[in-house]
Protein backbone atom coordinates (compact mmCIF):
# COMPACT_ATOMS: atom_id res chain seq x y z
CA MET A 1 80.31 91.85 66.27
CA SER A 2 83.88 92.63 66.25
CA TYR A 3 86.75 92.57 69.13
CA GLU A 4 86.51 96.43 69.22
CA ALA A 5 82.84 96.43 69.79
CA PRO A 6 81.65 92.90 70.97
CA PHE A 7 78.58 94.21 72.83
CA ALA A 8 77.47 96.08 69.52
CA GLY A 9 73.78 95.76 69.28
CA VAL A 10 73.08 95.11 73.19
CA ARG A 11 70.73 97.45 74.79
CA VAL A 12 71.34 98.22 78.60
CA VAL A 13 68.80 100.05 80.94
CA ASP A 14 70.89 101.55 83.85
CA LEU A 15 69.01 102.50 86.61
CA SER A 16 71.95 102.41 88.96
CA GLN A 17 73.52 105.71 90.68
CA GLY A 18 76.90 106.30 92.35
CA ILE A 19 79.95 104.40 90.96
CA ALA A 20 79.81 100.67 91.05
CA GLY A 21 76.69 100.13 89.04
CA PRO A 22 77.14 102.98 86.76
CA TYR A 23 80.78 102.25 86.03
CA ALA A 24 79.77 98.46 85.20
CA ALA A 25 77.35 99.95 82.63
CA MET A 26 80.18 102.45 81.40
CA LEU A 27 82.30 99.21 80.58
CA LEU A 28 79.67 97.98 78.53
CA ALA A 29 79.18 101.13 76.61
CA LEU A 30 83.01 101.12 76.19
CA TYR A 31 82.62 97.75 74.42
CA GLY A 32 79.82 98.87 71.98
CA ALA A 33 76.62 98.50 73.91
CA ASP A 34 73.76 100.99 73.72
CA VAL A 35 73.33 102.21 77.23
CA VAL A 36 70.57 104.44 78.37
CA LYS A 37 71.17 105.74 81.75
CA VAL A 38 67.82 106.65 83.57
CA GLU A 39 68.33 109.35 86.24
CA PRO A 40 65.70 110.68 88.86
CA PRO A 41 64.53 114.28 88.15
CA GLU A 42 67.30 115.81 90.70
CA GLY A 43 70.13 113.73 88.78
CA ASP A 44 72.38 110.81 89.72
CA TRP A 45 73.93 111.84 93.26
CA SER A 46 77.23 111.32 92.03
CA ARG A 47 76.99 114.55 90.07
CA THR A 48 77.56 116.30 93.50
CA VAL A 49 80.62 114.25 94.45
CA GLY A 50 84.00 115.58 93.78
CA THR A 51 85.24 118.36 91.58
CA ARG A 52 82.82 119.97 89.37
CA TYR A 53 83.81 120.40 85.62
CA GLY A 54 80.49 122.62 84.36
CA ASP A 55 77.61 120.53 85.52
CA PRO A 56 78.92 117.13 86.20
CA THR A 57 81.77 116.03 88.35
CA GLY A 58 84.76 113.93 87.46
CA PHE A 59 83.29 111.07 89.03
CA SER A 60 80.13 111.05 87.10
CA VAL A 61 82.05 111.80 83.90
CA ALA A 62 84.16 108.68 84.56
CA ALA A 63 81.41 106.47 85.32
CA ASN A 64 79.06 107.41 82.58
CA LEU A 65 80.97 107.78 79.63
CA GLY A 66 79.38 106.65 76.31
CA LYS A 67 75.89 106.60 77.78
CA ARG A 68 72.84 108.41 76.72
CA SER A 69 70.89 109.55 79.56
CA ILE A 70 67.20 110.78 80.50
CA ALA A 71 65.43 112.03 83.63
CA VAL A 72 62.52 110.12 84.75
CA ASP A 73 60.27 109.94 87.90
CA LEU A 74 59.73 106.76 88.60
CA LYS A 75 57.07 107.49 91.18
CA THR A 76 54.75 108.48 88.34
CA ASP A 77 52.71 106.36 85.95
CA GLU A 78 54.23 108.29 82.95
CA GLY A 79 57.87 107.76 84.29
CA LEU A 80 57.42 104.07 85.08
CA GLU A 81 55.99 103.58 81.42
CA VAL A 82 59.12 105.06 79.93
CA VAL A 83 61.11 102.51 81.70
CA ARG A 84 58.69 99.86 80.84
CA ARG A 85 59.11 100.45 77.14
CA LEU A 86 63.00 100.58 77.50
CA VAL A 87 62.94 97.31 79.04
CA ALA A 88 60.80 95.82 76.65
CA ARG A 89 63.19 96.11 74.07
CA GLY A 90 66.39 95.87 76.17
CA ASP A 91 68.86 93.19 77.15
CA VAL A 92 70.52 94.17 80.19
CA PHE A 93 68.84 95.99 83.24
CA LEU A 94 70.92 97.54 86.01
CA GLU A 95 69.60 98.69 89.37
CA GLY A 96 71.43 99.88 92.70
CA PHE A 97 68.41 100.73 94.98
CA ARG A 98 68.33 99.61 98.55
CA PRO A 99 67.03 95.97 98.68
CA GLY A 100 63.29 95.95 98.10
CA VAL A 101 63.02 99.46 96.56
CA ALA A 102 63.07 98.30 92.95
CA ALA A 103 60.22 95.95 93.54
CA LYS A 104 58.34 98.74 95.11
CA LEU A 105 58.94 101.13 92.31
CA GLY A 106 57.60 98.58 89.86
CA VAL A 107 60.99 97.65 88.18
CA GLY A 108 62.09 94.56 90.38
CA TYR A 109 63.07 91.24 88.58
CA ASP A 110 59.57 89.70 88.78
CA ALA A 111 57.91 92.78 87.07
CA VAL A 112 60.67 93.32 84.52
CA SER A 113 60.98 89.77 83.42
CA VAL A 114 57.31 89.72 82.73
CA LEU A 115 57.96 92.54 80.22
CA ASN A 116 61.17 90.76 78.66
CA PRO A 117 61.78 87.33 79.88
CA ARG A 118 65.30 87.44 78.10
CA ILE A 119 66.39 90.23 80.19
CA ILE A 120 69.82 90.09 82.27
CA TYR A 121 68.98 91.72 85.63
CA LEU A 122 71.54 92.83 87.62
CA SER A 123 71.33 94.31 91.26
CA VAL A 124 74.25 95.92 93.08
CA SER A 125 74.01 96.52 96.95
CA GLY A 126 76.11 96.91 99.79
CA PHE A 127 75.46 94.03 101.90
CA GLY A 128 73.40 91.99 99.60
CA GLN A 129 69.72 91.47 98.86
CA SER A 130 69.22 89.51 102.01
CA GLY A 131 70.72 88.72 105.41
CA PRO A 132 70.94 90.75 108.58
CA TYR A 133 72.74 93.80 107.05
CA ARG A 134 70.80 94.00 103.84
CA GLU A 135 69.64 97.69 104.95
CA ARG A 136 72.79 99.11 106.00
CA PRO A 137 74.23 102.02 104.10
CA ALA A 138 77.31 101.23 102.50
CA VAL A 139 79.87 103.63 100.78
CA ASP A 140 83.35 103.03 99.77
CA THR A 141 84.75 104.09 103.25
CA ILE A 142 82.37 101.85 105.23
CA LEU A 143 83.23 98.86 103.07
CA GLN A 144 86.92 99.18 103.56
CA SER A 145 86.47 99.37 107.15
CA PHE A 146 83.87 96.81 107.67
CA THR A 147 85.87 94.19 105.49
CA GLY A 148 89.37 94.89 107.33
CA LEU A 149 90.99 96.33 104.20
CA MET A 150 91.99 99.42 106.41
CA SER A 151 93.68 96.91 108.77
CA VAL A 152 96.46 96.12 106.27
CA ASN A 153 96.69 99.72 105.20
CA LYS A 154 98.26 101.33 108.51
CA GLY A 155 100.10 104.59 108.14
CA GLY A 156 103.22 105.76 109.79
CA ASP A 157 101.25 106.58 112.96
CA GLY A 158 100.26 102.92 113.13
CA VAL A 159 96.56 103.61 112.60
CA PRO A 160 94.50 102.05 109.79
CA HIS A 161 93.63 104.41 106.95
CA ARG A 162 91.45 104.16 103.97
CA VAL A 163 93.03 103.34 100.72
CA GLY A 164 93.16 106.48 98.75
CA ALA A 165 91.33 104.67 95.52
CA ILE A 166 87.37 103.96 95.61
CA VAL A 167 88.73 100.20 95.58
CA ALA A 168 85.40 98.90 96.97
CA ASP A 169 83.31 100.64 94.23
CA MET A 170 85.74 99.66 91.60
CA GLY A 171 85.79 95.96 92.55
CA THR A 172 82.11 95.80 92.55
CA ALA A 173 81.89 97.26 89.21
CA LEU A 174 84.46 94.94 87.59
CA CYS A 175 82.57 91.92 89.08
CA ALA A 176 79.30 93.27 87.96
CA PHE A 177 80.79 93.75 84.33
CA GLN A 178 81.97 90.08 84.39
CA ALA A 179 78.74 88.88 85.55
CA ILE A 180 76.93 90.37 82.87
CA ALA A 181 79.40 89.46 80.36
CA VAL A 182 79.03 85.92 81.09
CA ALA A 183 75.32 85.96 81.23
CA LEU A 184 75.12 87.49 77.93
CA TYR A 185 77.47 84.89 76.68
CA ALA A 186 75.16 82.02 78.12
CA ARG A 187 72.00 83.32 77.07
CA ARG A 188 72.98 82.64 73.33
CA ASP A 189 71.69 79.15 74.02
CA GLU A 190 69.17 79.79 76.54
CA ARG A 191 65.33 81.12 75.96
CA ALA A 192 65.08 82.94 79.25
CA GLY A 193 67.22 85.65 80.75
CA ALA A 194 68.54 85.73 84.46
CA THR A 195 69.02 87.71 87.63
CA SER A 196 72.44 88.26 89.15
CA ARG A 197 73.43 90.13 92.48
CA ARG A 198 76.51 91.69 93.25
CA ALA A 199 77.25 92.94 96.90
CA SER A 200 80.15 95.30 97.44
CA CYS A 201 81.03 93.64 100.67
CA ARG A 202 81.92 90.38 99.06
CA ALA A 203 83.95 92.17 96.37
CA SER A 204 85.73 94.30 98.95
CA LEU A 205 86.72 91.12 100.88
CA SER A 206 88.83 89.93 97.81
CA TYR A 207 91.33 92.68 98.76
CA LYS A 208 92.08 91.73 102.23
CA PRO A 209 94.82 89.09 102.69
CA SER A 210 94.21 86.28 104.68
CA GLY A 211 95.62 85.78 108.37
C-alpha cells in the first residue's frame, strides 16, 4: 500500500452502467484497484451518449479509465458463471440496475455474499431500493428538476434551467466512492462484508440551498 495506490490489491467487479456507478469504480482504479467492468453484449449505454471518439464517447472514456472490460450476457448460465468466478475472488461489487433486477439476474447481495461473505456490495439507483419512487427512471436532468436544483438556477428569462454539468451523477459517484472507501477501511477488523445503497436523489438534494 502507498499514498499513490492505496487500493492496490483490491479487486472490483463493476456491473454498473452510465456515469454515477462507473465513475465511482473509476476512482477506485485511479487509486490502484484492479477493476473489471462487466458490460452486456451491446455495451454500456454510455458508449452512445455524447461525442464519439472512435468507438467510445467522451462520457464512457471519462467514467471507465483504468479498467479492464469484458462483455457478458448475464441471462445465460455461462455468463452468470463468469461473474460468479469474479465475485468469488473480489473485494467490491457495484451494480446500477433498477431495484430488484440484480436479484432476478442472480447477482443480488444475498447471492453474491454467499459466494464471498467479505464482499463490499454497493447499489446505485435513482430513487433508492425501496419506497414509492423506486421504479421511476432517473437521469441527471430529472434529478436536477425533482430535487429543486433547477429552481435556484434561473436564467435571464426567469425560467429554471438545468445546470450544465452532470452534477447529480457526479455527486452520486463521489458518495459511492466514499462509501466504498469507508467500508474497505472498516472491513480490516470485520469478518464479514457489507452492503451499501446510494440514491442519486439523495445525493442531488445536497446541492439545493435551504429556504
